[in-house]
Amino acid sequence: MLLVELHTAPSHTASGSKATGEALVEHRFRAMNTDVHLMATGPDALKLEDHLREAELLVHELEQKWSRF
């Protein structure tokens, strides 16, 4: 299963005030017989989506190396 959700959501600055225009990207997939849900925020939704897809590939690569016993 591959699901990528893009949202525009407020984020908080270091001073605690809200900044607008930050993208919230969610990426869901299956690994190690469980559901994985990754989330990232930032100004560039497409770049975040690319990073989360790379993270999924890394998880699948590591999954092939890990023993299930």
C-alpha atoms as a PDB file:
ATOM      1  CA  MET A   1       0.000   0.000   0.000  1.00  0.00           C
ATOM      2  CA  LEU A   2       1.313   3.437  -0.915  1.00  0.00           C
ATOM      3  CA  LEU A   3      -0.482   6.528   0.323  1.00  0.00           C
ATOM      4  CA  VAL A   4       0.884  10.049   0.339  1.00  0.00           C
ATOM      5  CA  GLU A   5      -1.197  12.846   1.847  1.00  0.00           C
ATOM      6  CA  LEU A   6      -0.360  16.531   1.415  1.00  0.00           C
ATOM      7  CA  HIS A   7      -1.783  19.159   3.770  1.00  0.00           C
ATOM      8  CA  THR A   8      -1.097  22.815   4.346  1.00  0.00           C
ATOM      9  CA  ALA A   9      -0.964  23.288   8.072  1.00  0.00           C
ATOM     10  CA  PRO A  10       0.278  25.973  10.425  1.00  0.00           C
ATOM     11  CA  SER A  11       3.521  25.268  12.208  1.00  0.00           C
ATOM     12  CA  HIS A  12       5.013  26.862  15.280  1.00  0.00           C
ATOM     13  CA  THR A  13       8.085  29.064  15.279  1.00  0.00           C
ATOM     14  CA  ALA A  14      10.734  28.946  18.005  1.00  0.00           C
ATOM     15  CA  SER A  15       8.907  31.750  19.836  1.00  0.00           C
ATOM     16  CA  GLY A  16       5.692  29.732  19.831  1.00  0.00           C
ATOM     17  CA  SER A  17       3.833  31.910  17.328  1.00  0.00           C
ATOM     18  CA  LYS A  18       2.152  30.265  14.358  1.00  0.00           C
ATOM     19  CA  ALA A  19       3.684  30.474  10.879  1.00  0.00           C
ATOM     20  CA  THR A  20       1.541  29.657   7.861  1.00  0.00           C
ATOM     21  CA  GLY A  21       2.282  27.974   4.573  1.00  0.00           C
ATOM     22  CA  GLU A  22       4.129  24.943   5.908  1.00  0.00           C
ATOM     23  CA  ALA A  23       3.219  21.686   4.200  1.00  0.00           C
ATOM     24  CA  LEU A  24       2.491  18.566   6.221  1.00  0.00           C
ATOM     25  CA  VAL A  25       3.249  15.446   4.198  1.00  0.00           C
ATOM     26  CA  GLU A  26       2.206  11.998   5.391  1.00  0.00           C
ATOM     27  CA  HIS A  27       3.450   8.771   3.848  1.00  0.00           C
ATOM     28  CA  ARG A  28       2.093   5.323   4.760  1.00  0.00           C
ATOM     29  CA  PHE A  29       3.351   1.893   3.757  1.00  0.00           C
ATOM     30  CA  ARG A  30       3.786  -1.647   5.081  1.00  0.00           C
ATOM     31  CA  ALA A  31       7.076  -2.977   6.483  1.00  0.00           C
ATOM     32  CA  MET A  32       7.982  -5.815   8.843  1.00  0.00           C
ATOM     33  CA  ASN A  33       4.342  -6.928   8.764  1.00  0.00           C
ATOM     34  CA  THR A  34       3.117  -3.651  10.247  1.00  0.00           C
ATOM     35  CA  ASP A  35       1.791  -0.258   9.146  1.00  0.00           C
ATOM     36  CA  VAL A  36       4.352   2.531   8.895  1.00  0.00           C
ATOM     37  CA  HIS A  37       3.275   6.173   9.028  1.00  0.00           C
ATOM     38  CA  LEU A  38       5.864   8.878   8.351  1.00  0.00           C
ATOM     39  CA  MET A  39       5.161  12.598   8.681  1.00  0.00           C
ATOM     40  CA  ALA A  40       7.241  15.646   7.743  1.00  0.00           C
ATOM     41  CA  THR A  41       6.672  19.394   7.644  1.00  0.00           C
ATOM     42  CA  GLY A  42       8.394  22.085   5.627  1.00  0.00           C
ATOM     43  CA  PRO A  43       7.918  24.720   2.958  1.00  0.00           C
ATOM     44  CA  ASP A  44       8.365  22.428  -0.086  1.00  0.00           C
ATOM     45  CA  ALA A  45       5.766  19.630  -0.203  1.00  0.00           C
ATOM     46  CA  LEU A  46       7.272  17.947  -3.272  1.00  0.00           C
ATOM     47  CA  LYS A  47      10.726  17.786  -1.693  1.00  0.00           C
ATOM     48  CA  LEU A  48       9.244  16.387   1.516  1.00  0.00           C
ATOM     49  CA  GLU A  49       7.392  13.735  -0.473  1.00  0.00           C
ATOM     50  CA  ASP A  50      10.668  12.739  -2.169  1.00  0.00           C
ATOM     51  CA  HIS A  51      12.420  12.465   1.217  1.00  0.00           C
ATOM     52  CA  LEU A  52       9.657  10.288   2.647  1.00  0.00           C
ATOM     53  CA  ARG A  53       9.758   7.993  -0.400  1.00  0.00           C
ATOM     54  CA  GLU A  54      13.527   7.689   0.080  1.00  0.00           C
ATOM     55  CA  ALA A  55      12.910   6.808   3.725  1.00  0.00           C
ATOM     56  CA  GLU A  56      10.490   4.080   2.624  1.00  0.00           C
ATOM     57  CA  LEU A  57      13.103   2.641   0.271  1.00  0.00           C
ATOM     58  CA  LEU A  58      15.641   2.631   3.099  1.00  0.00           C
ATOM     59  CA  VAL A  59      13.228   0.834   5.426  1.00  0.00           C
ATOM     60  CA  HIS A  60      12.568  -1.819   2.770  1.00  0.00           C
ATOM     61  CA  GLU A  61      16.306  -2.179   2.152  1.00  0.00           C
ATOM     62  CA  LEU A  62      16.975  -2.630   5.862  1.00  0.00           C
ATOM     63  CA  GLU A  63      14.041  -5.011   6.168  1.00  0.00           C
ATOM     64  CA  GLN A  64      15.785  -7.351   3.707  1.00  0.00           C
ATOM     65  CA  LYS A  65      18.869  -7.399   5.955  1.00  0.00           C
ATOM     66  CA  TRP A  66      17.127  -7.839   9.304  1.00  0.00           C
ATOM     67  CA  SER A  67      16.409 -11.294  10.644  1.00  0.00           C
ATOM     68  CA  ARG A  68      12.847 -12.068  11.652  1.00  0.00           C
ATOM     69  CA  PHE A  69      14.052 -14.614  14.220  1.00  0.00           C
END
